[in-house]
Amino acid sequence: MLRAVTAMGAGRLLGTNLRTRRDEQGISLSELARRSGIAKGTLSQLESGAGNPTIETVFSLSNALGVPVSALLSESPTADLVLVRSAEIDVLHGDAIDLRMLRRLENPGGLFEIYNQEVRPDAVQHSDGHPGTEHHIVLSGRLRITSRGRTEELGPGDYLAFRAGGPHGYEAVDGLVRSVLLLEYPPDAYPITLGGPHLQG
């Protein structure tokens, strides 16, 4: 049977998964607020599905809970063939980046998240760092990436990978950049439970 997977709104999905992860770990809203630096009232809104999460918010929650971003934003597949229409996925907005998570893939060798990424030319996107390795493939435009004191400029077809544990940033050089972002987490970064409520490869 072939079925397309259409994502529920990012806000609703985040709320459901956030409650689940918090309950699994026995963490109160107050404790999660302390760990993430996000106000308790904001967290309550997010859990109710009424919030409008940004990239920064989702990554802060991911780090605070010790789970990958996809644990907060993915649904389980319903068939052998998974079709994801990027236009149907809610966008996570950052200062300069718009992300749509297309897929989460788990196997004993690690965890992978695939994103449709657009970098706007009106700002610079900064990240304090997170577990794993980032892989970037530029489809169109020119993308400047800075990590560990080194800056590289990528054009269409170019690929760059770096360990994302330290501060890094992205900047569109001339107009909008369209790219693919693959986040790769080693097996020890997050516990992987095959057969659990995650998207499987």
C-alpha atoms as a PDB file:
ATOM      1  CA  MET A   1       0.000   0.000   0.000  1.00  0.00           C
ATOM      2  CA  LEU A   2       1.309   3.449  -0.912  1.00  0.00           C
ATOM      3  CA  ARG A   3       0.341   6.331   1.281  1.00  0.00           C
ATOM      4  CA  ALA A   4       1.649   9.861   1.634  1.00  0.00           C
ATOM      5  CA  VAL A   5       2.540  11.119   5.065  1.00  0.00           C
ATOM      6  CA  THR A   6       1.283  14.639   5.634  1.00  0.00           C
ATOM      7  CA  ALA A   7       2.638  16.367   8.713  1.00  0.00           C
ATOM      8  CA  MET A   8       0.369  17.823  11.348  1.00  0.00           C
ATOM      9  CA  GLY A   9       1.188  21.414  12.245  1.00  0.00           C
ATOM     10  CA  ALA A  10       4.635  21.823  13.766  1.00  0.00           C
ATOM     11  CA  GLY A  11       3.137  23.537  16.815  1.00  0.00           C
ATOM     12  CA  ARG A  12       0.694  20.704  17.568  1.00  0.00           C
ATOM     13  CA  LEU A  13       3.292  18.029  16.918  1.00  0.00           C
ATOM     14  CA  LEU A  14       5.860  19.787  19.107  1.00  0.00           C
ATOM     15  CA  GLY A  15       3.314  20.121  21.910  1.00  0.00           C
ATOM     16  CA  THR A  16       2.430  16.423  21.845  1.00  0.00           C
ATOM     17  CA  ASN A  17       6.043  15.242  21.680  1.00  0.00           C
ATOM     18  CA  LEU A  18       7.247  17.782  24.243  1.00  0.00           C
ATOM     19  CA  ARG A  19       4.732  16.527  26.819  1.00  0.00           C
ATOM     20  CA  THR A  20       5.656  12.920  26.020  1.00  0.00           C
ATOM     21  CA  ARG A  21       9.418  13.477  26.355  1.00  0.00           C
ATOM     22  CA  ARG A  22       9.001  15.521  29.533  1.00  0.00           C
ATOM     23  CA  ASP A  23       6.760  12.852  31.096  1.00  0.00           C
ATOM     24  CA  GLU A  24       9.187  10.084  30.085  1.00  0.00           C
ATOM     25  CA  GLN A  25      11.982  11.879  31.924  1.00  0.00           C
ATOM     26  CA  GLY A  26       9.872  12.962  34.899  1.00  0.00           C
ATOM     27  CA  ILE A  27      10.725  16.630  34.340  1.00  0.00           C
ATOM     28  CA  SER A  28       8.428  19.402  35.528  1.00  0.00           C
ATOM     29  CA  LEU A  29       7.646  22.471  33.437  1.00  0.00           C
ATOM     30  CA  SER A  30       9.617  24.548  35.929  1.00  0.00           C
ATOM     31  CA  GLU A  31      12.676  22.319  35.561  1.00  0.00           C
ATOM     32  CA  LEU A  32      12.420  22.362  31.770  1.00  0.00           C
ATOM     33  CA  ALA A  33      12.146  26.151  31.888  1.00  0.00           C
ATOM     34  CA  ARG A  34      15.320  26.298  33.979  1.00  0.00           C
ATOM     35  CA  ARG A  35      17.234  23.961  31.664  1.00  0.00           C
ATOM     36  CA  SER A  36      16.110  25.551  28.409  1.00  0.00           C
ATOM     37  CA  GLY A  37      15.980  29.222  29.404  1.00  0.00           C
ATOM     38  CA  ILE A  38      12.414  29.394  28.063  1.00  0.00           C
ATOM     39  CA  ALA A  39       9.718  30.900  30.297  1.00  0.00           C
ATOM     40  CA  LYS A  40       7.349  28.443  31.966  1.00  0.00           C
ATOM     41  CA  GLY A  41       4.335  30.228  30.482  1.00  0.00           C
ATOM     42  CA  THR A  42       5.799  29.892  26.999  1.00  0.00           C
ATOM     43  CA  LEU A  43       6.425  26.185  27.565  1.00  0.00           C
ATOM     44  CA  SER A  44       2.844  25.732  28.713  1.00  0.00           C
ATOM     45  CA  GLN A  45       1.636  27.390  25.500  1.00  0.00           C
ATOM     46  CA  LEU A  46       3.909  25.189  23.406  1.00  0.00           C
ATOM     47  CA  GLU A  47       2.640  22.029  25.103  1.00  0.00           C
ATOM     48  CA  SER A  48      -0.942  23.066  24.411  1.00  0.00           C
ATOM     49  CA  GLY A  49      -0.064  23.393  20.723  1.00  0.00           C
ATOM     50  CA  ALA A  50      -0.834  27.106  20.745  1.00  0.00           C
ATOM     51  CA  GLY A  51       2.743  28.354  20.462  1.00  0.00           C
ATOM     52  CA  ASN A  52       4.669  29.306  17.341  1.00  0.00           C
ATOM     53  CA  PRO A  53       8.065  27.616  17.804  1.00  0.00           C
ATOM     54  CA  THR A  54      11.219  29.063  16.249  1.00  0.00           C
ATOM     55  CA  ILE A  55      14.376  27.173  15.327  1.00  0.00           C
ATOM     56  CA  GLU A  56      16.094  28.587  18.403  1.00  0.00           C
ATOM     57  CA  THR A  57      13.251  27.413  20.677  1.00  0.00           C
ATOM     58  CA  VAL A  58      13.216  23.884  19.279  1.00  0.00           C
ATOM     59  CA  PHE A  59      17.003  23.497  19.537  1.00  0.00           C
ATOM     60  CA  SER A  60      16.951  24.831  23.115  1.00  0.00           C
ATOM     61  CA  LEU A  61      14.315  22.238  24.043  1.00  0.00           C
ATOM     62  CA  SER A  62      16.238  19.510  22.223  1.00  0.00           C
ATOM     63  CA  ASN A  63      19.391  20.311  24.203  1.00  0.00           C
ATOM     64  CA  ALA A  64      17.508  20.675  27.493  1.00  0.00           C
ATOM     65  CA  LEU A  65      15.808  17.286  27.104  1.00  0.00           C
ATOM     66  CA  GLY A  66      18.844  15.551  25.634  1.00  0.00           C
ATOM     67  CA  VAL A  67      16.915  14.376  22.579  1.00  0.00           C
ATOM     68  CA  PRO A  68      17.383  15.092  18.859  1.00  0.00           C
ATOM     69  CA  VAL A  69      15.225  17.738  17.212  1.00  0.00           C
ATOM     70  CA  SER A  70      13.351  15.064  15.281  1.00  0.00           C
ATOM     71  CA  ALA A  71      12.169  13.504  18.549  1.00  0.00           C
ATOM     72  CA  LEU A  72      10.143  16.676  19.016  1.00  0.00           C
ATOM     73  CA  LEU A  73       9.009  17.206  15.421  1.00  0.00           C
ATOM     74  CA  SER A  74       8.436  13.825  13.758  1.00  0.00           C
ATOM     75  CA  GLU A  75       5.491  11.494  13.337  1.00  0.00           C
ATOM     76  CA  SER A  76       5.577   7.744  12.866  1.00  0.00           C
ATOM     77  CA  PRO A  77       5.281   6.524   9.275  1.00  0.00           C
ATOM     78  CA  THR A  78       2.150   4.681   8.204  1.00  0.00           C
ATOM     79  CA  ALA A  79       3.436   2.726   5.201  1.00  0.00           C
ATOM     80  CA  ASP A  80       6.425   1.274   3.414  1.00  0.00           C
ATOM     81  CA  LEU A  81       6.642   4.288   1.124  1.00  0.00           C
ATOM     82  CA  VAL A  82       6.882   7.680   2.796  1.00  0.00           C
ATOM     83  CA  LEU A  83       6.174  10.698   0.629  1.00  0.00           C
ATOM     84  CA  VAL A  84       6.835  14.112   2.120  1.00  0.00           C
ATOM     85  CA  ARG A  85       5.708  17.256   0.323  1.00  0.00           C
ATOM     86  CA  SER A  86       7.914  20.082   1.530  1.00  0.00           C
ATOM     87  CA  ALA A  87       5.208  22.654   0.807  1.00  0.00           C
ATOM     88  CA  GLU A  88       2.896  20.886   3.292  1.00  0.00           C
ATOM     89  CA  ILE A  89       5.347  21.045   6.207  1.00  0.00           C
ATOM     90  CA  ASP A  90       5.265  23.911   8.678  1.00  0.00           C
ATOM     91  CA  VAL A  91       8.383  26.059   8.548  1.00  0.00           C
ATOM     92  CA  LEU A  92      10.604  26.617  11.565  1.00  0.00           C
ATOM     93  CA  HIS A  93      11.864  30.172  11.268  1.00  0.00           C
ATOM     94  CA  GLY A  94      15.179  31.419  12.622  1.00  0.00           C
ATOM     95  CA  ASP A  95      16.920  34.758  12.316  1.00  0.00           C
ATOM     96  CA  ALA A  96      18.033  33.906   8.781  1.00  0.00           C
ATOM     97  CA  ILE A  97      17.014  30.282   8.182  1.00  0.00           C
ATOM     98  CA  ASP A  98      13.753  28.555   7.318  1.00  0.00           C
ATOM     99  CA  LEU A  99      13.817  24.800   8.014  1.00  0.00           C
ATOM    100  CA  ARG A 100      11.400  22.046   7.068  1.00  0.00           C
ATOM    101  CA  MET A 101      12.209  18.648   8.556  1.00  0.00           C
ATOM    102  CA  LEU A 102      11.608  16.084   5.821  1.00  0.00           C
ATOM    103  CA  ARG A 103      12.669  12.849   7.481  1.00  0.00           C
ATOM    104  CA  ARG A 104      14.159  11.169  10.524  1.00  0.00           C
ATOM    105  CA  LEU A 105      16.143   7.974   9.925  1.00  0.00           C
ATOM    106  CA  GLU A 106      17.283   5.635  12.684  1.00  0.00           C
ATOM    107  CA  ASN A 107      19.633   2.682  12.543  1.00  0.00           C
ATOM    108  CA  PRO A 108      22.106   1.070  14.958  1.00  0.00           C
ATOM    109  CA  GLY A 109      24.902   3.209  13.491  1.00  0.00           C
ATOM    110  CA  GLY A 110      23.274   6.506  14.389  1.00  0.00           C
ATOM    111  CA  LEU A 111      20.431   8.906  13.792  1.00  0.00           C
ATOM    112  CA  PHE A 112      19.931  11.180  10.782  1.00  0.00           C
ATOM    113  CA  GLU A 113      17.607  14.133  10.190  1.00  0.00           C
ATOM    114  CA  ILE A 114      17.031  15.522   6.698  1.00  0.00           C
ATOM    115  CA  TYR A 115      15.945  19.139   6.263  1.00  0.00           C
ATOM    116  CA  ASN A 116      14.930  21.363   3.392  1.00  0.00           C
ATOM    117  CA  GLN A 117      16.826  24.535   4.309  1.00  0.00           C
ATOM    118  CA  GLU A 118      16.531  28.074   2.983  1.00  0.00           C
ATOM    119  CA  VAL A 119      18.878  30.833   4.109  1.00  0.00           C
ATOM    120  CA  ARG A 120      17.594  34.388   3.702  1.00  0.00           C
ATOM    121  CA  PRO A 121      19.994  37.179   2.763  1.00  0.00           C
ATOM    122  CA  ASP A 122      18.701  39.661   5.348  1.00  0.00           C
ATOM    123  CA  ALA A 123      20.484  38.329   8.459  1.00  0.00           C
ATOM    124  CA  VAL A 124      23.088  35.921   9.831  1.00  0.00           C
ATOM    125  CA  GLN A 125      21.990  32.731  11.598  1.00  0.00           C
ATOM    126  CA  HIS A 126      24.053  31.903  14.694  1.00  0.00           C
ATOM    127  CA  SER A 127      24.011  28.618  16.603  1.00  0.00           C
ATOM    128  CA  ASP A 128      25.617  27.989  19.985  1.00  0.00           C
ATOM    129  CA  GLY A 129      26.208  24.379  18.962  1.00  0.00           C
ATOM    130  CA  HIS A 130      24.539  21.007  19.392  1.00  0.00           C
ATOM    131  CA  PRO A 131      25.532  17.324  19.218  1.00  0.00           C
ATOM    132  CA  GLY A 132      26.357  15.689  15.918  1.00  0.00           C
ATOM    133  CA  THR A 133      27.739  16.552  12.501  1.00  0.00           C
ATOM    134  CA  GLU A 134      26.092  18.859   9.969  1.00  0.00           C
ATOM    135  CA  HIS A 135      26.229  18.018   6.263  1.00  0.00           C
ATOM    136  CA  HIS A 136      25.265  20.796   3.809  1.00  0.00           C
ATOM    137  CA  ILE A 137      24.606  20.514   0.075  1.00  0.00           C
ATOM    138  CA  VAL A 138      23.840  23.794  -1.683  1.00  0.00           C
ATOM    139  CA  LEU A 139      21.239  23.593  -4.437  1.00  0.00           C
ATOM    140  CA  SER A 140      21.133  27.257  -5.436  1.00  0.00           C
ATOM    141  CA  GLY A 141      22.722  30.527  -4.302  1.00  0.00           C
ATOM    142  CA  ARG A 142      25.940  31.014  -2.358  1.00  0.00           C
ATOM    143  CA  LEU A 143      26.178  30.041   1.317  1.00  0.00           C
ATOM    144  CA  ARG A 144      28.858  31.199   3.759  1.00  0.00           C
ATOM    145  CA  ILE A 145      29.374  28.903   6.747  1.00  0.00           C
ATOM    146  CA  THR A 146      31.613  29.706   9.713  1.00  0.00           C
ATOM    147  CA  SER A 147      32.626  27.022  12.212  1.00  0.00           C
ATOM    148  CA  ARG A 148      35.590  26.695  14.582  1.00  0.00           C
ATOM    149  CA  GLY A 149      37.149  29.919  13.330  1.00  0.00           C
ATOM    150  CA  ARG A 150      37.058  28.836   9.699  1.00  0.00           C
ATOM    151  CA  THR A 151      34.803  30.298   6.983  1.00  0.00           C
ATOM    152  CA  GLU A 152      33.903  28.551   3.732  1.00  0.00           C
ATOM    153  CA  GLU A 153      31.721  29.740   0.863  1.00  0.00           C
ATOM    154  CA  LEU A 154      29.645  27.143  -0.997  1.00  0.00           C
ATOM    155  CA  GLY A 155      27.995  27.349  -4.404  1.00  0.00           C
ATOM    156  CA  PRO A 156      25.503  25.073  -6.173  1.00  0.00           C
ATOM    157  CA  GLY A 157      26.536  21.441  -5.903  1.00  0.00           C
ATOM    158  CA  ASP A 158      29.105  22.081  -3.161  1.00  0.00           C
ATOM    159  CA  TYR A 159      29.169  19.995   0.016  1.00  0.00           C
ATOM    160  CA  LEU A 160      30.515  20.809   3.482  1.00  0.00           C
ATOM    161  CA  ALA A 161      30.465  18.836   6.736  1.00  0.00           C
ATOM    162  CA  PHE A 162      31.551  19.881  10.223  1.00  0.00           C
ATOM    163  CA  ARG A 163      31.105  18.848  13.832  1.00  0.00           C
ATOM    164  CA  ALA A 164      28.380  21.061  15.229  1.00  0.00           C
ATOM    165  CA  GLY A 165      29.324  21.034  18.910  1.00  0.00           C
ATOM    166  CA  GLY A 166      30.722  24.569  18.899  1.00  0.00           C
ATOM    167  CA  PRO A 167      29.366  27.934  17.758  1.00  0.00           C
ATOM    168  CA  HIS A 168      28.684  28.208  14.024  1.00  0.00           C
ATOM    169  CA  GLY A 169      26.840  30.478  11.635  1.00  0.00           C
ATOM    170  CA  TYR A 170      25.287  30.737   8.179  1.00  0.00           C
ATOM    171  CA  GLU A 171      24.945  33.643   5.794  1.00  0.00           C
ATOM    172  CA  ALA A 172      23.481  33.926   2.305  1.00  0.00           C
ATOM    173  CA  VAL A 173      26.017  35.783   0.161  1.00  0.00           C
ATOM    174  CA  ASP A 174      23.913  36.850  -2.845  1.00  0.00           C
ATOM    175  CA  GLY A 175      20.174  36.341  -2.482  1.00  0.00           C
ATOM    176  CA  LEU A 176      18.243  33.352  -1.165  1.00  0.00           C
ATOM    177  CA  VAL A 177      20.111  30.067  -0.677  1.00  0.00           C
ATOM    178  CA  ARG A 178      18.340  26.731  -1.084  1.00  0.00           C
ATOM    179  CA  SER A 179      20.123  23.724   0.383  1.00  0.00           C
ATOM    180  CA  VAL A 180      19.789  20.315   1.985  1.00  0.00           C
ATOM    181  CA  LEU A 181      20.880  19.923   5.607  1.00  0.00           C
ATOM    182  CA  LEU A 182      21.578  16.464   6.989  1.00  0.00           C
ATOM    183  CA  LEU A 183      22.165  16.235  10.749  1.00  0.00           C
ATOM    184  CA  GLU A 184      24.072  13.111  11.726  1.00  0.00           C
ATOM    185  CA  TYR A 185      24.142  12.000  15.353  1.00  0.00           C
ATOM    186  CA  PRO A 186      26.491   9.213  16.511  1.00  0.00           C
ATOM    187  CA  PRO A 187      24.908   6.287  18.399  1.00  0.00           C
ATOM    188  CA  ASP A 188      26.082   7.606  21.769  1.00  0.00           C
ATOM    189  CA  ALA A 189      24.651  11.119  21.294  1.00  0.00           C
ATOM    190  CA  TYR A 190      21.074  10.012  21.925  1.00  0.00           C
ATOM    191  CA  PRO A 191      19.665   6.619  22.870  1.00  0.00           C
ATOM    192  CA  ILE A 192      18.134   5.000  19.791  1.00  0.00           C
ATOM    193  CA  THR A 193      15.220   2.677  20.407  1.00  0.00           C
ATOM    194  CA  LEU A 194      14.426   0.777  17.266  1.00  0.00           C
ATOM    195  CA  GLY A 195      10.767  -0.075  17.068  1.00  0.00           C
ATOM    196  CA  GLY A 196       9.869   2.955  19.187  1.00  0.00           C
ATOM    197  CA  PRO A 197       7.626   5.876  18.243  1.00  0.00           C
ATOM    198  CA  HIS A 198      10.096   7.342  15.775  1.00  0.00           C
ATOM    199  CA  LEU A 199      10.427   7.573  12.030  1.00  0.00           C
ATOM    200  CA  GLN A 200      12.416   4.589  10.873  1.00  0.00           C
ATOM    201  CA  GLY A 201      14.594   4.284   7.790  1.00  0.00           C
END
